[in-house]
Amino acid sequence: MRPASFAFALVLMGIAVSTQGCLAVAAGGAVVGATGAVVGTAGKAVVATGKAVVPGESKKDREQREFREWKRRQGA
């Protein structure tokens, strides 16, 4: 194998490894869409917006926690 071919193969392997997560999310989205699972969709929406998720936390509790954190940051 020539050095250029070897380097090209390494680049392709790197791209394949780095995009594996994207493919898994896309496949997961298809499964969630097919089954209508609200939990998976909410989890993806949280990941997309960058909000923290605390297991067992209700929407109201999360909003109150986020508001307190926001107020703390405004005062700092």
PDB file of N, CA and C in Angstrom:
ATOM      1  N   MET A   1       0.859  -1.175   0.000  1.00  0.00           N
ATOM      2  CA  MET A   1       0.000   0.000   0.000  1.00  0.00           C
ATOM      3  C   MET A   1       0.904   1.236   0.000  1.00  0.00           C
ATOM      4  N   ARG A   2       0.591   2.174  -0.881  1.00  0.00           N
ATOM      5  CA  ARG A   2       1.375   3.402  -0.963  1.00  0.00           C
ATOM      6  C   ARG A   2       1.077   4.297   0.233  1.00  0.00           C
ATOM      7  N   PRO A   3       2.009   5.176   0.616  1.00  0.00           N
ATOM      8  CA  PRO A   3       1.788   6.085   1.755  1.00  0.00           C
ATOM      9  C   PRO A   3       0.557   6.973   1.575  1.00  0.00           C
ATOM     10  N   ALA A   4       0.300   7.425   0.360  1.00  0.00           N
ATOM     11  CA  ALA A   4      -0.866   8.278   0.118  1.00  0.00           C
ATOM     12  C   ALA A   4      -2.164   7.495   0.330  1.00  0.00           C
ATOM     13  N   SER A   5      -2.175   6.249  -0.116  1.00  0.00           N
ATOM     14  CA  SER A   5      -3.366   5.417   0.067  1.00  0.00           C
ATOM     15  C   SER A   5      -3.595   5.116   1.543  1.00  0.00           C
ATOM     16  N   PHE A   6      -2.500   4.899   2.267  1.00  0.00           N
ATOM     17  CA  PHE A   6      -2.602   4.620   3.700  1.00  0.00           C
ATOM     18  C   PHE A   6      -3.158   5.841   4.443  1.00  0.00           C
ATOM     19  N   ALA A   7      -2.661   7.023   4.093  1.00  0.00           N
ATOM     20  CA  ALA A   7      -3.143   8.256   4.727  1.00  0.00           C
ATOM     21  C   ALA A   7      -4.621   8.473   4.413  1.00  0.00           C
ATOM     22  N   PHE A   8      -4.996   8.204   3.176  1.00  0.00           N
ATOM     23  CA  PHE A   8      -6.393   8.354   2.773  1.00  0.00           C
ATOM     24  C   PHE A   8      -7.290   7.386   3.555  1.00  0.00           C
ATOM     25  N   ALA A   9      -6.810   6.166   3.738  1.00  0.00           N
ATOM     26  CA  ALA A   9      -7.574   5.177   4.496  1.00  0.00           C
ATOM     27  C   ALA A   9      -7.727   5.617   5.952  1.00  0.00           C
ATOM     28  N   LEU A  10      -6.678   6.204   6.531  1.00  0.00           N
ATOM     29  CA  LEU A  10      -6.762   6.701   7.901  1.00  0.00           C
ATOM     30  C   LEU A  10      -7.789   7.827   8.019  1.00  0.00           C
ATOM     31  N   VAL A  11      -7.805   8.725   7.046  1.00  0.00           N
ATOM     32  CA  VAL A  11      -8.776   9.827   7.058  1.00  0.00           C
ATOM     33  C   VAL A  11     -10.194   9.283   6.966  1.00  0.00           C
ATOM     34  N   LEU A  12     -10.406   8.319   6.079  1.00  0.00           N
ATOM     35  CA  LEU A  12     -11.740   7.728   5.947  1.00  0.00           C
ATOM     36  C   LEU A  12     -12.174   7.024   7.227  1.00  0.00           C
ATOM     37  N   MET A  13     -11.255   6.347   7.874  1.00  0.00           N
ATOM     38  CA  MET A  13     -11.584   5.673   9.139  1.00  0.00           C
ATOM     39  C   MET A  13     -11.939   6.703  10.208  1.00  0.00           C
ATOM     40  N   GLY A  14     -11.214   7.807  10.240  1.00  0.00           N
ATOM     41  CA  GLY A  14     -11.516   8.864  11.207  1.00  0.00           C
ATOM     42  C   GLY A  14     -12.893   9.460  10.987  1.00  0.00           C
ATOM     43  N   ILE A  15     -13.229   9.686   9.737  1.00  0.00           N
ATOM     44  CA  ILE A  15     -14.551  10.225   9.410  1.00  0.00           C
ATOM     45  C   ILE A  15     -15.633   9.228   9.794  1.00  0.00           C
ATOM     46  N   ALA A  16     -15.399   7.958   9.512  1.00  0.00           N
ATOM     47  CA  ALA A  16     -16.392   6.922   9.845  1.00  0.00           C
ATOM     48  C   ALA A  16     -16.632   6.864  11.348  1.00  0.00           C
ATOM     49  N   VAL A  17     -15.559   6.930  12.126  1.00  0.00           N
ATOM     50  CA  VAL A  17     -15.700   6.863  13.577  1.00  0.00           C
ATOM     51  C   VAL A  17     -16.405   8.105  14.109  1.00  0.00           C
ATOM     52  N   SER A  18     -16.060   9.279  13.574  1.00  0.00           N
ATOM     53  CA  SER A  18     -16.654  10.511  14.089  1.00  0.00           C
ATOM     54  C   SER A  18     -18.124  10.669  13.717  1.00  0.00           C
ATOM     55  N   THR A  19     -18.566  10.065  12.628  1.00  0.00           N
ATOM     56  CA  THR A  19     -19.969  10.204  12.221  1.00  0.00           C
ATOM     57  C   THR A  19     -20.854   9.067  12.713  1.00  0.00           C
ATOM     58  N   GLN A  20     -20.290   8.107  13.406  1.00  0.00           N
ATOM     59  CA  GLN A  20     -21.097   6.994  13.900  1.00  0.00           C
ATOM     60  C   GLN A  20     -22.203   7.470  14.827  1.00  0.00           C
ATOM     61  N   GLY A  21     -21.903   8.421  15.691  1.00  0.00           N
ATOM     62  CA  GLY A  21     -22.909   8.947  16.607  1.00  0.00           C
ATOM     63  C   GLY A  21     -24.046   9.610  15.869  1.00  0.00           C
ATOM     64  N   CYS A  22     -23.723  10.348  14.803  1.00  0.00           N
ATOM     65  CA  CYS A  22     -24.763  11.018  14.016  1.00  0.00           C
ATOM     66  C   CYS A  22     -25.703   9.996  13.386  1.00  0.00           C
ATOM     67  N   LEU A  23     -25.117   8.925  12.887  1.00  0.00           N
ATOM     68  CA  LEU A  23     -25.952   7.892  12.269  1.00  0.00           C
ATOM     69  C   LEU A  23     -26.841   7.226  13.309  1.00  0.00           C
ATOM     70  N   ALA A  24     -26.310   7.020  14.510  1.00  0.00           N
ATOM     71  CA  ALA A  24     -27.112   6.403  15.565  1.00  0.00           C
ATOM     72  C   ALA A  24     -28.258   7.310  15.966  1.00  0.00           C
ATOM     73  N   VAL A  25     -28.010   8.614  16.047  1.00  0.00           N
ATOM     74  CA  VAL A  25     -29.074   9.562  16.393  1.00  0.00           C
ATOM     75  C   VAL A  25     -30.126   9.588  15.295  1.00  0.00           C
ATOM     76  N   ALA A  26     -29.694   9.557  14.038  1.00  0.00           N
ATOM     77  CA  ALA A  26     -30.647   9.548  12.929  1.00  0.00           C
ATOM     78  C   ALA A  26     -31.491   8.280  12.953  1.00  0.00           C
ATOM     79  N   ALA A  27     -30.857   7.142  13.202  1.00  0.00           N
ATOM     80  CA  ALA A  27     -31.604   5.886  13.275  1.00  0.00           C
ATOM     81  C   ALA A  27     -32.547   5.907  14.468  1.00  0.00           C
ATOM     82  N   GLY A  28     -32.082   6.447  15.584  1.00  0.00           N
ATOM     83  CA  GLY A  28     -32.936   6.555  16.765  1.00  0.00           C
ATOM     84  C   GLY A  28     -34.120   7.457  16.504  1.00  0.00           C
ATOM     85  N   GLY A  29     -33.905   8.530  15.745  1.00  0.00           N
ATOM     86  CA  GLY A  29     -35.002   9.431  15.404  1.00  0.00           C
ATOM     87  C   GLY A  29     -36.056   8.734  14.567  1.00  0.00           C
ATOM     88  N   ALA A  30     -35.614   7.874  13.662  1.00  0.00           N
ATOM     89  CA  ALA A  30     -36.563   7.130  12.836  1.00  0.00           C
ATOM     90  C   ALA A  30     -37.384   6.175  13.688  1.00  0.00           C
ATOM     91  N   VAL A  31     -36.727   5.532  14.650  1.00  0.00           N
ATOM     92  CA  VAL A  31     -37.441   4.597  15.525  1.00  0.00           C
ATOM     93  C   VAL A  31     -38.432   5.364  16.397  1.00  0.00           C
ATOM     94  N   VAL A  32     -37.995   6.500  16.939  1.00  0.00           N
ATOM     95  CA  VAL A  32     -38.887   7.305  17.773  1.00  0.00           C
ATOM     96  C   VAL A  32     -40.071   7.789  16.958  1.00  0.00           C
ATOM     97  N   GLY A  33     -39.824   8.204  15.730  1.00  0.00           N
ATOM     98  CA  GLY A  33     -40.922   8.660  14.877  1.00  0.00           C
ATOM     99  C   GLY A  33     -41.901   7.539  14.567  1.00  0.00           C
ATOM    100  N   ALA A  34     -41.376   6.341  14.377  1.00  0.00           N
ATOM    101  CA  ALA A  34     -42.245   5.220  14.031  1.00  0.00           C
ATOM    102  C   ALA A  34     -43.075   4.766  15.225  1.00  0.00           C
ATOM    103  N   THR A  35     -42.502   4.817  16.402  1.00  0.00           N
ATOM    104  CA  THR A  35     -43.229   4.318  17.572  1.00  0.00           C
ATOM    105  C   THR A  35     -44.005   5.409  18.288  1.00  0.00           C
ATOM    106  N   GLY A  36     -43.667   6.664  18.020  1.00  0.00           N
ATOM    107  CA  GLY A  36     -44.369   7.757  18.690  1.00  0.00           C
ATOM    108  C   GLY A  36     -43.969   7.914  20.136  1.00  0.00           C
ATOM    109  N   ALA A  37     -42.761   7.519  20.493  1.00  0.00           N
ATOM    110  CA  ALA A  37     -42.307   7.624  21.883  1.00  0.00           C
ATOM    111  C   ALA A  37     -41.984   9.071  22.207  1.00  0.00           C
ATOM    112  N   VAL A  38     -42.712   9.618  23.148  1.00  0.00           N
ATOM    113  CA  VAL A  38     -42.529  11.017  23.521  1.00  0.00           C
ATOM    114  C   VAL A  38     -41.242  11.192  24.324  1.00  0.00           C
ATOM    115  N   VAL A  39     -40.873  10.207  25.100  1.00  0.00           N
ATOM    116  CA  VAL A  39     -39.695  10.316  25.954  1.00  0.00           C
ATOM    117  C   VAL A  39     -38.436  10.505  25.119  1.00  0.00           C
ATOM    118  N   GLY A  40     -38.257   9.730  24.088  1.00  0.00           N
ATOM    119  CA  GLY A  40     -37.078   9.852  23.238  1.00  0.00           C
ATOM    120  C   GLY A  40     -37.023  11.195  22.545  1.00  0.00           C
ATOM    121  N   THR A  41     -38.165  11.690  22.085  1.00  0.00           N
ATOM    122  CA  THR A  41     -38.212  12.977  21.412  1.00  0.00           C
ATOM    123  C   THR A  41     -37.877  14.094  22.380  1.00  0.00           C
ATOM    124  N   ALA A  42     -38.399  14.032  23.596  1.00  0.00           N
ATOM    125  CA  ALA A  42     -38.096  15.057  24.590  1.00  0.00           C
ATOM    126  C   ALA A  42     -36.614  15.036  24.924  1.00  0.00           C
ATOM    127  N   GLY A  43     -36.032  13.861  25.003  1.00  0.00           N
ATOM    128  CA  GLY A  43     -34.605  13.758  25.294  1.00  0.00           C
ATOM    129  C   GLY A  43     -33.765  14.382  24.203  1.00  0.00           C
ATOM    130  N   LYS A  44     -34.151  14.162  22.945  1.00  0.00           N
ATOM    131  CA  LYS A  44     -33.403  14.761  21.845  1.00  0.00           C
ATOM    132  C   LYS A  44     -33.578  16.271  21.831  1.00  0.00           C
ATOM    133  N   ALA A  45     -34.768  16.759  22.157  1.00  0.00           N
ATOM    134  CA  ALA A  45     -34.991  18.198  22.187  1.00  0.00           C
ATOM    135  C   ALA A  45     -34.144  18.847  23.271  1.00  0.00           C
ATOM    136  N   VAL A  46     -34.011  18.187  24.394  1.00  0.00           N
ATOM    137  CA  VAL A  46     -33.187  18.722  25.483  1.00  0.00           C
ATOM    138  C   VAL A  46     -31.735  18.761  25.057  1.00  0.00           C
ATOM    139  N   VAL A  47     -31.279  17.717  24.387  1.00  0.00           N
ATOM    140  CA  VAL A  47     -29.903  17.693  23.919  1.00  0.00           C
ATOM    141  C   VAL A  47     -29.675  18.800  22.908  1.00  0.00           C
ATOM    142  N   ALA A  48     -30.633  19.028  22.041  1.00  0.00           N
ATOM    143  CA  ALA A  48     -30.482  20.055  21.020  1.00  0.00           C
ATOM    144  C   ALA A  48     -30.422  21.447  21.623  1.00  0.00           C
ATOM    145  N   THR A  49     -31.170  21.703  22.684  1.00  0.00           N
ATOM    146  CA  THR A  49     -31.174  23.035  23.278  1.00  0.00           C
ATOM    147  C   THR A  49     -30.086  23.205  24.317  1.00  0.00           C
ATOM    148  N   GLY A  50     -29.462  22.132  24.744  1.00  0.00           N
ATOM    149  CA  GLY A  50     -28.373  22.220  25.711  1.00  0.00           C
ATOM    150  C   GLY A  50     -28.824  22.350  27.151  1.00  0.00           C
ATOM    151  N   LYS A  51     -30.062  22.035  27.461  1.00  0.00           N
ATOM    152  CA  LYS A  51     -30.562  22.137  28.828  1.00  0.00           C
ATOM    153  C   LYS A  51     -30.224  20.865  29.593  1.00  0.00           C
ATOM    154  N   ALA A  52     -30.030  21.032  30.896  1.00  0.00           N
ATOM    155  CA  ALA A  52     -29.728  19.879  31.736  1.00  0.00           C
ATOM    156  C   ALA A  52     -31.001  19.124  32.068  1.00  0.00           C
ATOM    157  N   VAL A  53     -30.880  17.823  32.196  1.00  0.00           N
ATOM    158  CA  VAL A  53     -32.014  16.984  32.568  1.00  0.00           C
ATOM    159  C   VAL A  53     -31.668  16.285  33.867  1.00  0.00           C
ATOM    160  N   VAL A  54     -32.528  16.426  34.855  1.00  0.00           N
ATOM    161  CA  VAL A  54     -32.350  15.746  36.125  1.00  0.00           C
ATOM    162  C   VAL A  54     -33.409  14.649  36.192  1.00  0.00           C
ATOM    163  N   PRO A  55     -33.011  13.391  36.359  1.00  0.00           N
ATOM    164  CA  PRO A  55     -33.993  12.312  36.405  1.00  0.00           C
ATOM    165  C   PRO A  55     -35.028  12.551  37.502  1.00  0.00           C
ATOM    166  N   GLY A  56     -36.285  12.381  37.167  1.00  0.00           N
ATOM    167  CA  GLY A  56     -37.366  12.554  38.127  1.00  0.00           C
ATOM    168  C   GLY A  56     -37.800  13.997  38.313  1.00  0.00           C
ATOM    169  N   GLU A  57     -37.219  14.913  37.564  1.00  0.00           N
ATOM    170  CA  GLU A  57     -37.547  16.331  37.705  1.00  0.00           C
ATOM    171  C   GLU A  57     -38.709  16.679  36.770  1.00  0.00           C
ATOM    172  N   SER A  58     -39.723  17.336  37.311  1.00  0.00           N
ATOM    173  CA  SER A  58     -40.857  17.721  36.477  1.00  0.00           C
ATOM    174  C   SER A  58     -40.510  18.974  35.682  1.00  0.00           C
ATOM    175  N   LYS A  59     -41.348  19.287  34.709  1.00  0.00           N
ATOM    176  CA  LYS A  59     -41.121  20.477  33.891  1.00  0.00           C
ATOM    177  C   LYS A  59     -41.150  21.731  34.760  1.00  0.00           C
ATOM    178  N   LYS A  60     -42.089  21.790  35.692  1.00  0.00           N
ATOM    179  CA  LYS A  60     -42.202  22.947  36.575  1.00  0.00           C
ATOM    180  C   LYS A  60     -40.951  23.097  37.446  1.00  0.00           C
ATOM    181  N   ASP A  61     -40.473  21.969  38.006  1.00  0.00           N
ATOM    182  CA  ASP A  61     -39.255  22.002  38.817  1.00  0.00           C
ATOM    183  C   ASP A  61     -38.057  22.462  37.991  1.00  0.00           C
ATOM    184  N   ARG A  62     -37.952  21.961  36.756  1.00  0.00           N
ATOM    185  CA  ARG A  62     -36.843  22.339  35.888  1.00  0.00           C
ATOM    186  C   ARG A  62     -36.884  23.823  35.584  1.00  0.00           C
ATOM    187  N   GLU A  63     -38.088  24.342  35.280  1.00  0.00           N
ATOM    188  CA  GLU A  63     -38.207  25.762  34.964  1.00  0.00           C
ATOM    189  C   GLU A  63     -37.833  26.620  36.176  1.00  0.00           C
ATOM    190  N   GLN A  64     -38.251  26.200  37.370  1.00  0.00           N
ATOM    191  CA  GLN A  64     -37.891  26.948  38.578  1.00  0.00           C
ATOM    192  C   GLN A  64     -36.378  26.913  38.807  1.00  0.00           C
ATOM    193  N   ARG A  65     -35.767  25.733  38.615  1.00  0.00           N
ATOM    194  CA  ARG A  65     -34.323  25.611  38.791  1.00  0.00           C
ATOM    195  C   ARG A  65     -33.583  26.476  37.783  1.00  0.00           C
ATOM    196  N   GLU A  66     -34.017  26.436  36.525  1.00  0.00           N
ATOM    197  CA  GLU A  66     -33.368  27.246  35.505  1.00  0.00           C
ATOM    198  C   GLU A  66     -33.529  28.737  35.791  1.00  0.00           C
ATOM    199  N   PHE A  67     -34.701  29.136  36.299  1.00  0.00           N
ATOM    200  CA  PHE A  67     -34.918  30.541  36.619  1.00  0.00           C
ATOM    201  C   PHE A  67     -33.993  30.975  37.752  1.00  0.00           C
ATOM    202  N   ARG A  68     -33.856  30.133  38.792  1.00  0.00           N
ATOM    203  CA  ARG A  68     -32.943  30.463  39.899  1.00  0.00           C
ATOM    204  C   ARG A  68     -31.503  30.581  39.401  1.00  0.00           C
ATOM    205  N   GLU A  69     -31.090  29.660  38.532  1.00  0.00           N
ATOM    206  CA  GLU A  69     -29.741  29.713  37.980  1.00  0.00           C
ATOM    207  C   GLU A  69     -29.551  30.972  37.143  1.00  0.00           C
ATOM    208  N   TRP A  70     -30.557  31.339  36.375  1.00  0.00           N
ATOM    209  CA  TRP A  70     -30.489  32.544  35.544  1.00  0.00           C
ATOM    210  C   TRP A  70     -30.356  33.782  36.421  1.00  0.00           C
ATOM    211  N   LYS A  71     -31.151  33.844  37.488  1.00  0.00           N
ATOM    212  CA  LYS A  71     -31.073  34.995  38.393  1.00  0.00           C
ATOM    213  C   LYS A  71     -29.701  35.078  39.052  1.00  0.00           C
ATOM    214  N   ARG A  72     -29.144  33.928  39.436  1.00  0.00           N
ATOM    215  CA  ARG A  72     -27.811  33.904  40.039  1.00  0.00           C
ATOM    216  C   ARG A  72     -26.766  34.445  39.073  1.00  0.00           C
ATOM    217  N   ARG A  73     -26.884  34.047  37.794  1.00  0.00           N
ATOM    218  CA  ARG A  73     -25.920  34.520  36.793  1.00  0.00           C
ATOM    219  C   ARG A  73     -26.087  36.016  36.526  1.00  0.00           C
ATOM    220  N   GLN A  74     -27.309  36.526  36.610  1.00  0.00           N
ATOM    221  CA  GLN A  74     -27.537  37.946  36.381  1.00  0.00           C
ATOM    222  C   GLN A  74     -26.916  38.781  37.481  1.00  0.00           C
ATOM    223  N   GLY A  75     -26.934  38.267  38.706  1.00  0.00           N
ATOM    224  CA  GLY A  75     -26.372  38.989  39.850  1.00  0.00           C
ATOM    225  C   GLY A  75     -24.858  38.921  39.916  1.00  0.00           C
ATOM    226  N   ALA A  76     -24.277  37.938  39.246  1.00  0.00           N
ATOM    227  CA  ALA A  76     -22.811  37.735  39.331  1.00  0.00           C
ATOM    228  C   ALA A  76     -22.050  38.704  38.460  1.00  0.00           C
TER     229      ALA A  76
END
